[in-house]
Amino acid sequence: MFLNALEMLLPEPLVRHEGPTTMQVTVNEQASEGRWVVHLLHYIPERRSQDIDVIEDVIPLYDVRISVKAPQQVTGVTCVPEMEVLPFEHNGDRVEFVVPTVDGHQMVALTF
């Protein structure tokens, strides 16, 4: 119900993804570089005590589709620091691409 209510309140979120609900996605602007960096995190913490969460295993994700609402035309999408160029497409004011692997953490640079 919560996700449905959120969708009603925010029909056009900055980022959408087709990964599991355990994946966290954040976007950092690097204005001096003319790009945004999308951070994808997928770690599943296990509560070992009242104050300690432990990450035992990293479960990789493959072929995760990402959609970002871009303020201007995106000219390139690159996995960093690997510098692997990813194919992307524009869909209205959104740019869509597939991240091949998220092995705990992956950064993707959107160049404007």
N, C-alpha and C. Protein backbone atom coordinates (compact mmCIF):
# COMPACT_ATOMS: atom_id res chain seq x y z
N MET A 1 0.82 -1.19 0.00
CA MET A 1 0.00 0.00 0.00
C MET A 1 0.87 1.26 0.00
N PHE A 2 1.96 1.19 0.77
CA PHE A 2 2.82 2.37 0.85
C PHE A 2 3.37 2.75 -0.52
N LEU A 3 3.86 1.76 -1.27
CA LEU A 3 4.43 2.05 -2.59
C LEU A 3 3.37 2.61 -3.54
N ASN A 4 2.15 2.12 -3.45
CA ASN A 4 1.06 2.65 -4.28
C ASN A 4 0.77 4.11 -3.91
N ALA A 5 0.73 4.42 -2.61
CA ALA A 5 0.49 5.79 -2.17
C ALA A 5 1.62 6.70 -2.62
N LEU A 6 2.84 6.22 -2.52
CA LEU A 6 3.99 7.01 -2.96
C LEU A 6 3.92 7.29 -4.46
N GLU A 7 3.52 6.30 -5.23
CA GLU A 7 3.38 6.47 -6.69
C GLU A 7 2.32 7.53 -7.00
N MET A 8 1.26 7.60 -6.21
CA MET A 8 0.23 8.60 -6.42
C MET A 8 0.74 10.01 -6.08
N LEU A 9 1.55 10.10 -5.03
CA LEU A 9 2.07 11.40 -4.61
C LEU A 9 3.22 11.88 -5.49
N LEU A 10 4.00 10.95 -6.01
CA LEU A 10 5.18 11.28 -6.81
C LEU A 10 5.17 10.44 -8.08
N PRO A 11 4.31 10.80 -9.05
CA PRO A 11 4.19 9.96 -10.25
C PRO A 11 5.42 9.97 -11.15
N GLU A 12 6.26 10.99 -11.07
CA GLU A 12 7.47 11.08 -11.88
C GLU A 12 8.71 11.19 -11.00
N PRO A 13 9.14 10.10 -10.37
CA PRO A 13 10.33 10.18 -9.51
C PRO A 13 11.59 10.42 -10.33
N LEU A 14 12.62 10.91 -9.66
CA LEU A 14 13.89 11.17 -10.32
C LEU A 14 14.48 9.89 -10.90
N VAL A 15 14.42 8.80 -10.13
CA VAL A 15 15.00 7.53 -10.56
C VAL A 15 13.99 6.41 -10.39
N ARG A 16 13.94 5.54 -11.38
CA ARG A 16 13.19 4.29 -11.30
C ARG A 16 14.15 3.16 -11.60
N HIS A 17 13.93 2.01 -10.96
CA HIS A 17 14.77 0.86 -11.27
C HIS A 17 13.95 -0.41 -11.21
N GLU A 18 14.43 -1.43 -11.89
CA GLU A 18 13.77 -2.72 -11.91
C GLU A 18 14.53 -3.73 -11.05
N GLY A 19 15.29 -3.24 -10.10
CA GLY A 19 16.00 -4.10 -9.18
C GLY A 19 15.11 -4.45 -8.00
N PRO A 20 15.64 -5.25 -7.08
CA PRO A 20 14.86 -5.62 -5.90
C PRO A 20 14.68 -4.43 -4.96
N THR A 21 13.75 -4.55 -4.03
CA THR A 21 13.51 -3.47 -3.07
C THR A 21 14.69 -3.27 -2.12
N THR A 22 15.60 -4.23 -2.07
CA THR A 22 16.79 -4.10 -1.22
C THR A 22 17.88 -3.24 -1.86
N MET A 23 17.68 -2.82 -3.11
CA MET A 23 18.67 -1.98 -3.78
C MET A 23 18.38 -0.52 -3.48
N GLN A 24 19.42 0.22 -3.10
CA GLN A 24 19.31 1.65 -2.85
C GLN A 24 19.95 2.40 -4.00
N VAL A 25 19.27 3.47 -4.45
CA VAL A 25 19.77 4.27 -5.56
C VAL A 25 19.80 5.73 -5.13
N THR A 26 20.96 6.37 -5.34
CA THR A 26 21.09 7.80 -5.07
C THR A 26 21.74 8.46 -6.28
N VAL A 27 21.49 9.76 -6.40
CA VAL A 27 22.07 10.54 -7.51
C VAL A 27 22.82 11.72 -6.91
N ASN A 28 24.07 11.88 -7.31
CA ASN A 28 24.90 13.02 -6.90
C ASN A 28 25.21 13.86 -8.13
N GLU A 29 25.04 15.17 -8.00
CA GLU A 29 25.37 16.08 -9.09
C GLU A 29 26.82 16.52 -8.96
N GLN A 30 27.54 16.46 -10.08
CA GLN A 30 28.89 17.00 -10.15
C GLN A 30 28.86 18.10 -11.21
N ALA A 31 28.42 19.27 -10.78
CA ALA A 31 28.20 20.39 -11.71
C ALA A 31 29.48 20.79 -12.44
N SER A 32 30.61 20.77 -11.73
CA SER A 32 31.87 21.17 -12.37
C SER A 32 32.28 20.20 -13.47
N GLU A 33 31.84 18.95 -13.37
CA GLU A 33 32.16 17.93 -14.38
C GLU A 33 31.06 17.82 -15.45
N GLY A 34 29.93 18.49 -15.24
CA GLY A 34 28.82 18.42 -16.18
C GLY A 34 28.18 17.03 -16.20
N ARG A 35 28.03 16.43 -15.02
CA ARG A 35 27.47 15.08 -14.98
C ARG A 35 26.76 14.81 -13.66
N TRP A 36 25.95 13.76 -13.69
CA TRP A 36 25.36 13.18 -12.48
C TRP A 36 25.99 11.81 -12.31
N VAL A 37 26.17 11.39 -11.06
CA VAL A 37 26.66 10.05 -10.78
C VAL A 37 25.56 9.31 -10.02
N VAL A 38 25.11 8.21 -10.61
CA VAL A 38 24.08 7.38 -10.00
C VAL A 38 24.80 6.27 -9.24
N HIS A 39 24.52 6.17 -7.94
CA HIS A 39 25.11 5.12 -7.10
C HIS A 39 24.07 4.04 -6.87
N LEU A 40 24.42 2.80 -7.15
CA LEU A 40 23.56 1.65 -6.92
C LEU A 40 24.19 0.80 -5.83
N LEU A 41 23.46 0.56 -4.75
CA LEU A 41 23.95 -0.24 -3.63
C LEU A 41 23.03 -1.44 -3.43
N HIS A 42 23.63 -2.62 -3.30
CA HIS A 42 22.83 -3.80 -3.00
C HIS A 42 23.58 -4.66 -1.99
N TYR A 43 23.36 -4.36 -0.73
CA TYR A 43 23.88 -5.14 0.38
C TYR A 43 22.68 -5.46 1.28
N ILE A 44 22.62 -6.67 1.76
CA ILE A 44 21.52 -7.05 2.64
C ILE A 44 22.09 -7.25 4.04
N PRO A 45 21.86 -6.27 4.94
CA PRO A 45 22.41 -6.40 6.28
C PRO A 45 21.62 -7.42 7.11
N GLU A 46 22.32 -8.04 8.02
CA GLU A 46 21.70 -9.01 8.93
C GLU A 46 21.88 -8.49 10.35
N ARG A 47 20.79 -8.34 11.06
CA ARG A 47 20.85 -7.82 12.44
C ARG A 47 21.40 -8.90 13.35
N ARG A 48 22.58 -8.65 13.96
CA ARG A 48 23.21 -9.61 14.85
C ARG A 48 22.98 -9.27 16.31
N SER A 49 22.72 -8.01 16.59
CA SER A 49 22.39 -7.59 17.94
C SER A 49 21.57 -6.31 17.82
N GLN A 50 21.21 -5.74 18.95
CA GLN A 50 20.37 -4.55 18.92
C GLN A 50 21.04 -3.39 18.19
N ASP A 51 22.36 -3.32 18.24
CA ASP A 51 23.08 -2.18 17.67
C ASP A 51 23.97 -2.51 16.48
N ILE A 52 24.06 -3.77 16.09
CA ILE A 52 25.01 -4.15 15.05
C ILE A 52 24.32 -4.86 13.89
N ASP A 53 24.52 -4.31 12.70
CA ASP A 53 24.10 -4.97 11.47
C ASP A 53 25.36 -5.43 10.75
N VAL A 54 25.34 -6.65 10.23
CA VAL A 54 26.51 -7.23 9.57
C VAL A 54 26.12 -7.61 8.15
N ILE A 55 27.04 -7.39 7.23
CA ILE A 55 26.85 -7.84 5.85
C ILE A 55 27.72 -9.07 5.67
N GLU A 56 27.09 -10.22 5.56
CA GLU A 56 27.81 -11.48 5.41
C GLU A 56 28.19 -11.76 3.96
N ASP A 57 27.22 -11.65 3.09
CA ASP A 57 27.43 -11.99 1.68
C ASP A 57 26.96 -10.86 0.78
N VAL A 58 27.64 -10.68 -0.32
CA VAL A 58 27.21 -9.74 -1.35
C VAL A 58 26.52 -10.57 -2.42
N ILE A 59 25.29 -10.21 -2.71
CA ILE A 59 24.53 -10.92 -3.74
C ILE A 59 24.51 -10.04 -4.99
N PRO A 60 25.23 -10.42 -6.05
CA PRO A 60 25.28 -9.59 -7.25
C PRO A 60 23.94 -9.57 -7.98
N LEU A 61 23.71 -8.46 -8.67
CA LEU A 61 22.54 -8.30 -9.53
C LEU A 61 23.02 -8.15 -10.96
N TYR A 62 22.23 -8.61 -11.90
CA TYR A 62 22.61 -8.55 -13.31
C TYR A 62 21.51 -7.91 -14.13
N ASP A 63 21.92 -7.14 -15.13
CA ASP A 63 21.01 -6.51 -16.11
C ASP A 63 19.88 -5.75 -15.42
N VAL A 64 20.26 -4.75 -14.63
CA VAL A 64 19.30 -3.93 -13.91
C VAL A 64 18.95 -2.72 -14.76
N ARG A 65 17.68 -2.59 -15.11
CA ARG A 65 17.20 -1.45 -15.92
C ARG A 65 16.99 -0.25 -15.02
N ILE A 66 17.55 0.90 -15.44
CA ILE A 66 17.47 2.16 -14.70
C ILE A 66 16.86 3.22 -15.61
N SER A 67 16.03 4.07 -15.04
CA SER A 67 15.44 5.20 -15.75
C SER A 67 15.63 6.44 -14.89
N VAL A 68 16.23 7.49 -15.46
CA VAL A 68 16.52 8.73 -14.73
C VAL A 68 15.87 9.89 -15.45
N LYS A 69 15.16 10.72 -14.68
CA LYS A 69 14.56 11.94 -15.23
C LYS A 69 15.66 12.99 -15.32
N ALA A 70 16.09 13.29 -16.52
CA ALA A 70 17.24 14.17 -16.73
C ALA A 70 16.77 15.60 -17.01
N PRO A 71 17.45 16.61 -16.44
CA PRO A 71 17.07 18.00 -16.66
C PRO A 71 17.46 18.53 -18.04
N GLN A 72 18.36 17.82 -18.71
CA GLN A 72 18.81 18.21 -20.04
C GLN A 72 19.24 16.97 -20.81
N GLN A 73 19.61 17.16 -22.05
CA GLN A 73 19.98 16.04 -22.92
C GLN A 73 21.23 15.32 -22.41
N VAL A 74 21.13 14.00 -22.23
CA VAL A 74 22.27 13.18 -21.81
C VAL A 74 23.06 12.79 -23.05
N THR A 75 24.38 12.96 -22.99
CA THR A 75 25.23 12.64 -24.14
C THR A 75 26.01 11.35 -23.97
N GLY A 76 26.08 10.85 -22.72
CA GLY A 76 26.81 9.62 -22.49
C GLY A 76 26.47 9.00 -21.15
N VAL A 77 26.51 7.65 -21.10
CA VAL A 77 26.28 6.89 -19.88
C VAL A 77 27.45 5.93 -19.73
N THR A 78 28.16 6.01 -18.60
CA THR A 78 29.38 5.23 -18.40
C THR A 78 29.44 4.64 -17.01
N CYS A 79 29.76 3.35 -16.90
CA CYS A 79 30.06 2.75 -15.60
C CYS A 79 31.43 3.24 -15.17
N VAL A 80 31.52 3.75 -13.96
CA VAL A 80 32.81 4.20 -13.45
C VAL A 80 33.13 3.43 -12.18
N PRO A 81 34.36 3.14 -11.91
CA PRO A 81 35.58 3.60 -12.58
C PRO A 81 35.99 2.73 -13.75
N GLU A 82 35.19 1.71 -14.12
CA GLU A 82 35.58 0.81 -15.20
C GLU A 82 35.65 1.50 -16.57
N MET A 83 34.96 2.64 -16.68
CA MET A 83 34.87 3.40 -17.94
C MET A 83 34.21 2.57 -19.05
N GLU A 84 33.27 1.72 -18.68
CA GLU A 84 32.51 0.92 -19.64
C GLU A 84 31.33 1.76 -20.12
N VAL A 85 31.32 2.07 -21.42
CA VAL A 85 30.25 2.86 -22.00
C VAL A 85 29.01 1.99 -22.16
N LEU A 86 27.87 2.50 -21.70
CA LEU A 86 26.62 1.75 -21.77
C LEU A 86 25.71 2.35 -22.85
N PRO A 87 25.03 1.50 -23.61
CA PRO A 87 24.02 2.02 -24.53
C PRO A 87 22.85 2.59 -23.73
N PHE A 88 22.24 3.64 -24.25
CA PHE A 88 21.11 4.27 -23.57
C PHE A 88 20.14 4.81 -24.61
N GLU A 89 18.94 5.10 -24.15
CA GLU A 89 17.94 5.69 -25.04
C GLU A 89 17.18 6.75 -24.27
N HIS A 90 16.71 7.74 -25.01
CA HIS A 90 15.88 8.78 -24.43
C HIS A 90 14.42 8.38 -24.59
N ASN A 91 13.65 8.61 -23.55
CA ASN A 91 12.22 8.34 -23.58
C ASN A 91 11.55 9.56 -22.95
N GLY A 92 11.24 10.55 -23.79
CA GLY A 92 10.73 11.82 -23.28
C GLY A 92 11.84 12.53 -22.52
N ASP A 93 11.56 12.91 -21.28
CA ASP A 93 12.57 13.60 -20.47
C ASP A 93 13.38 12.63 -19.61
N ARG A 94 13.28 11.34 -19.91
CA ARG A 94 14.00 10.31 -19.15
C ARG A 94 15.07 9.66 -20.02
N VAL A 95 16.14 9.23 -19.38
CA VAL A 95 17.16 8.44 -20.07
C VAL A 95 17.12 7.06 -19.43
N GLU A 96 17.16 6.02 -20.28
CA GLU A 96 17.04 4.65 -19.80
C GLU A 96 18.25 3.84 -20.27
N PHE A 97 18.72 2.99 -19.36
CA PHE A 97 19.89 2.16 -19.66
C PHE A 97 19.86 0.93 -18.77
N VAL A 98 20.70 -0.05 -19.11
CA VAL A 98 20.79 -1.29 -18.34
C VAL A 98 22.20 -1.41 -17.77
N VAL A 99 22.29 -1.60 -16.47
CA VAL A 99 23.57 -1.79 -15.80
C VAL A 99 23.85 -3.29 -15.80
N PRO A 100 24.96 -3.73 -16.42
CA PRO A 100 25.21 -5.16 -16.56
C PRO A 100 25.38 -5.89 -15.23
N THR A 101 26.11 -5.29 -14.27
CA THR A 101 26.36 -5.96 -12.99
C THR A 101 26.41 -4.94 -11.86
N VAL A 102 25.73 -5.27 -10.77
CA VAL A 102 25.86 -4.52 -9.52
C VAL A 102 26.37 -5.53 -8.50
N ASP A 103 27.66 -5.45 -8.21
CA ASP A 103 28.28 -6.39 -7.27
C ASP A 103 28.50 -5.67 -5.94
N GLY A 104 27.40 -5.38 -5.27
CA GLY A 104 27.44 -4.61 -4.03
C GLY A 104 27.26 -3.13 -4.29
N HIS A 105 28.15 -2.55 -5.10
CA HIS A 105 28.09 -1.13 -5.42
C HIS A 105 28.50 -0.91 -6.87
N GLN A 106 27.79 -0.02 -7.52
CA GLN A 106 28.16 0.36 -8.89
C GLN A 106 27.84 1.84 -9.07
N MET A 107 28.73 2.54 -9.74
CA MET A 107 28.50 3.95 -10.08
C MET A 107 28.32 4.06 -11.58
N VAL A 108 27.39 4.92 -11.98
CA VAL A 108 27.14 5.18 -13.39
C VAL A 108 27.10 6.68 -13.59
N ALA A 109 27.93 7.20 -14.49
CA ALA A 109 27.99 8.63 -14.77
C ALA A 109 27.09 8.97 -15.96
N LEU A 110 26.23 9.96 -15.77
CA LEU A 110 25.42 10.50 -16.87
C LEU A 110 26.02 11.84 -17.24
N THR A 111 26.54 11.94 -18.45
CA THR A 111 27.19 13.17 -18.91
C THR A 111 26.20 14.01 -19.69
N PHE A 112 26.20 15.31 -19.39
CA PHE A 112 25.29 16.24 -20.08
C PHE A 112 26.05 17.07 -21.11
